[in-house]
Amino acid sequence: MTIELVKAIKDAESEAEAAIKEAQQEGRRIYKDSEGRAEEILDKAASEAEKKGRELIDQAIEEAKAEAEPLKKERREEIARLKEKAEKQLPDALAVLTDRVVKTDADY
């Protein structure tokens, strides 16, 4: 009976050691899986943040273009008015220059 008892104890110890090893292996596997999942989650979050950042930049560009369009139109109209005004004043300016050149040549 003592031998059987010792054998039963040894068997129980072996089973316990095997269970501990199995639990350690399972713990390592779970840890590796969780690392992999964490990496996937981080990659996905980074990708989504990058996508959202691009969307925000694109939206800001579109808003800036929309705000700039009326200003560009005003400047084009102002440029056209100034050109028209300059063209109307060109004959007078040419006459003044011609008069000055003729007057300067006459003085010599």
Protein backbone atom coordinates (compact mmCIF):
# COMPACT_ATOMS: atom_id res chain seq x y z
CA MET A 1 0.00 0.00 0.00
CA THR A 2 2.87 2.41 0.71
CA ILE A 3 4.34 1.75 -2.70
CA GLU A 4 0.99 2.44 -4.29
CA LEU A 5 0.67 5.60 -2.30
CA VAL A 6 4.14 6.81 -3.35
CA LYS A 7 3.36 5.88 -6.94
CA ALA A 8 0.06 7.77 -6.76
CA ILE A 9 1.85 10.81 -5.35
CA LYS A 10 4.48 10.65 -8.11
CA ASP A 11 1.76 10.29 -10.73
CA ALA A 12 -0.07 13.26 -9.25
CA GLU A 13 3.16 15.29 -9.27
CA SER A 14 3.80 14.35 -12.91
CA GLU A 15 0.26 15.31 -13.84
CA ALA A 16 0.63 18.59 -11.98
CA GLU A 17 3.94 19.34 -13.74
CA ALA A 18 2.35 18.50 -17.10
CA ALA A 19 -0.60 20.75 -16.30
CA ILE A 20 1.78 23.55 -15.27
CA LYS A 21 3.77 23.17 -18.52
CA GLU A 22 0.58 23.14 -20.54
CA ALA A 23 -0.69 26.23 -18.71
CA GLN A 24 2.63 28.01 -19.33
CA GLN A 25 2.51 27.14 -23.02
CA GLU A 26 -1.11 28.28 -23.21
CA GLY A 27 -0.11 31.52 -21.46
CA ARG A 28 2.70 32.12 -23.98
CA ARG A 29 0.33 31.41 -26.87
CA ILE A 30 -2.28 33.79 -25.45
CA TYR A 31 0.41 36.44 -24.93
CA LYS A 32 1.67 36.09 -28.51
CA ASP A 33 -1.88 36.21 -29.85
CA SER A 34 -2.63 39.32 -27.84
CA GLU A 35 0.59 40.96 -29.09
CA GLY A 36 -0.45 40.17 -32.65
CA ARG A 37 -3.94 41.54 -32.07
CA ALA A 38 -2.55 44.64 -30.40
CA GLU A 39 -0.26 45.23 -33.39
CA GLU A 40 -3.21 44.82 -35.76
CA ILE A 41 -5.29 47.24 -33.69
CA LEU A 42 -2.47 49.81 -33.68
CA ASP A 43 -1.94 49.44 -37.43
CA LYS A 44 -5.65 49.83 -38.07
CA ALA A 45 -5.86 52.88 -35.80
CA ALA A 46 -2.86 54.47 -37.51
CA SER A 47 -4.34 53.77 -40.93
CA GLU A 48 -7.70 55.22 -39.94
CA ALA A 49 -6.04 58.28 -38.41
CA GLU A 50 -4.03 58.83 -41.60
CA LYS A 51 -7.17 58.46 -43.72
CA LYS A 52 -9.08 60.89 -41.49
CA GLY A 53 -6.16 63.33 -41.65
CA ARG A 54 -6.16 63.22 -45.46
CA GLU A 55 -9.93 63.75 -45.48
CA LEU A 56 -9.60 66.77 -43.18
CA ILE A 57 -6.84 68.24 -45.35
CA ASP A 58 -8.88 67.69 -48.51
CA GLN A 59 -11.91 69.28 -46.85
CA ALA A 60 -9.83 72.27 -45.71
CA ILE A 61 -8.44 72.70 -49.24
CA GLU A 62 -11.94 72.63 -50.72
CA GLU A 63 -13.17 75.16 -48.17
CA ALA A 64 -10.19 77.41 -48.88
CA LYS A 65 -10.85 77.20 -52.62
CA ALA A 66 -14.49 78.07 -52.05
CA GLU A 67 -13.52 81.07 -49.92
CA ALA A 68 -10.87 82.20 -52.40
CA GLU A 69 -13.10 82.05 -55.48
CA PRO A 70 -15.06 85.26 -54.77
CA LEU A 71 -11.80 87.06 -53.95
CA LYS A 72 -10.22 85.87 -57.20
CA LYS A 73 -13.27 87.05 -59.11
CA GLU A 74 -13.10 90.47 -57.45
CA ARG A 75 -9.39 90.79 -58.31
CA ARG A 76 -9.97 89.77 -61.93
CA GLU A 77 -12.71 92.39 -62.21
CA GLU A 78 -10.48 95.01 -60.60
CA ILE A 79 -7.65 94.14 -62.99
CA ALA A 80 -10.04 94.44 -65.95
CA ARG A 81 -11.24 97.85 -64.68
CA LEU A 82 -7.66 99.07 -64.23
CA LYS A 83 -6.67 97.86 -67.70
CA GLU A 84 -9.68 99.58 -69.21
CA LYS A 85 -8.89 102.78 -67.34
CA ALA A 86 -5.25 102.60 -68.43
CA GLU A 87 -6.26 102.03 -72.06
CA LYS A 88 -8.56 105.06 -71.92
CA GLN A 89 -5.73 107.19 -70.51
CA LEU A 90 -3.17 105.92 -73.03
CA PRO A 91 -3.90 108.56 -75.72
CA ASP A 92 -3.59 111.36 -73.15
CA ALA A 93 -0.39 109.89 -71.73
CA LEU A 94 1.04 109.50 -75.23
CA ALA A 95 0.14 113.08 -76.02
CA VAL A 96 1.89 114.31 -72.87
CA LEU A 97 4.99 112.29 -73.66
CA THR A 98 5.01 113.41 -77.27
CA ASP A 99 4.62 117.01 -76.17
CA ARG A 100 7.51 116.70 -73.72
CA VAL A 101 9.77 115.03 -76.27
CA VAL A 102 8.96 117.63 -78.89
CA LYS A 103 9.44 120.41 -76.34
CA THR A 104 12.76 118.91 -75.17
CA ASP A 105 14.00 118.56 -78.73
CA ALA A 106 12.91 122.10 -79.49
CA ASP A 107 14.94 123.40 -76.53
CA TYR A 108 18.11 121.97 -78.03
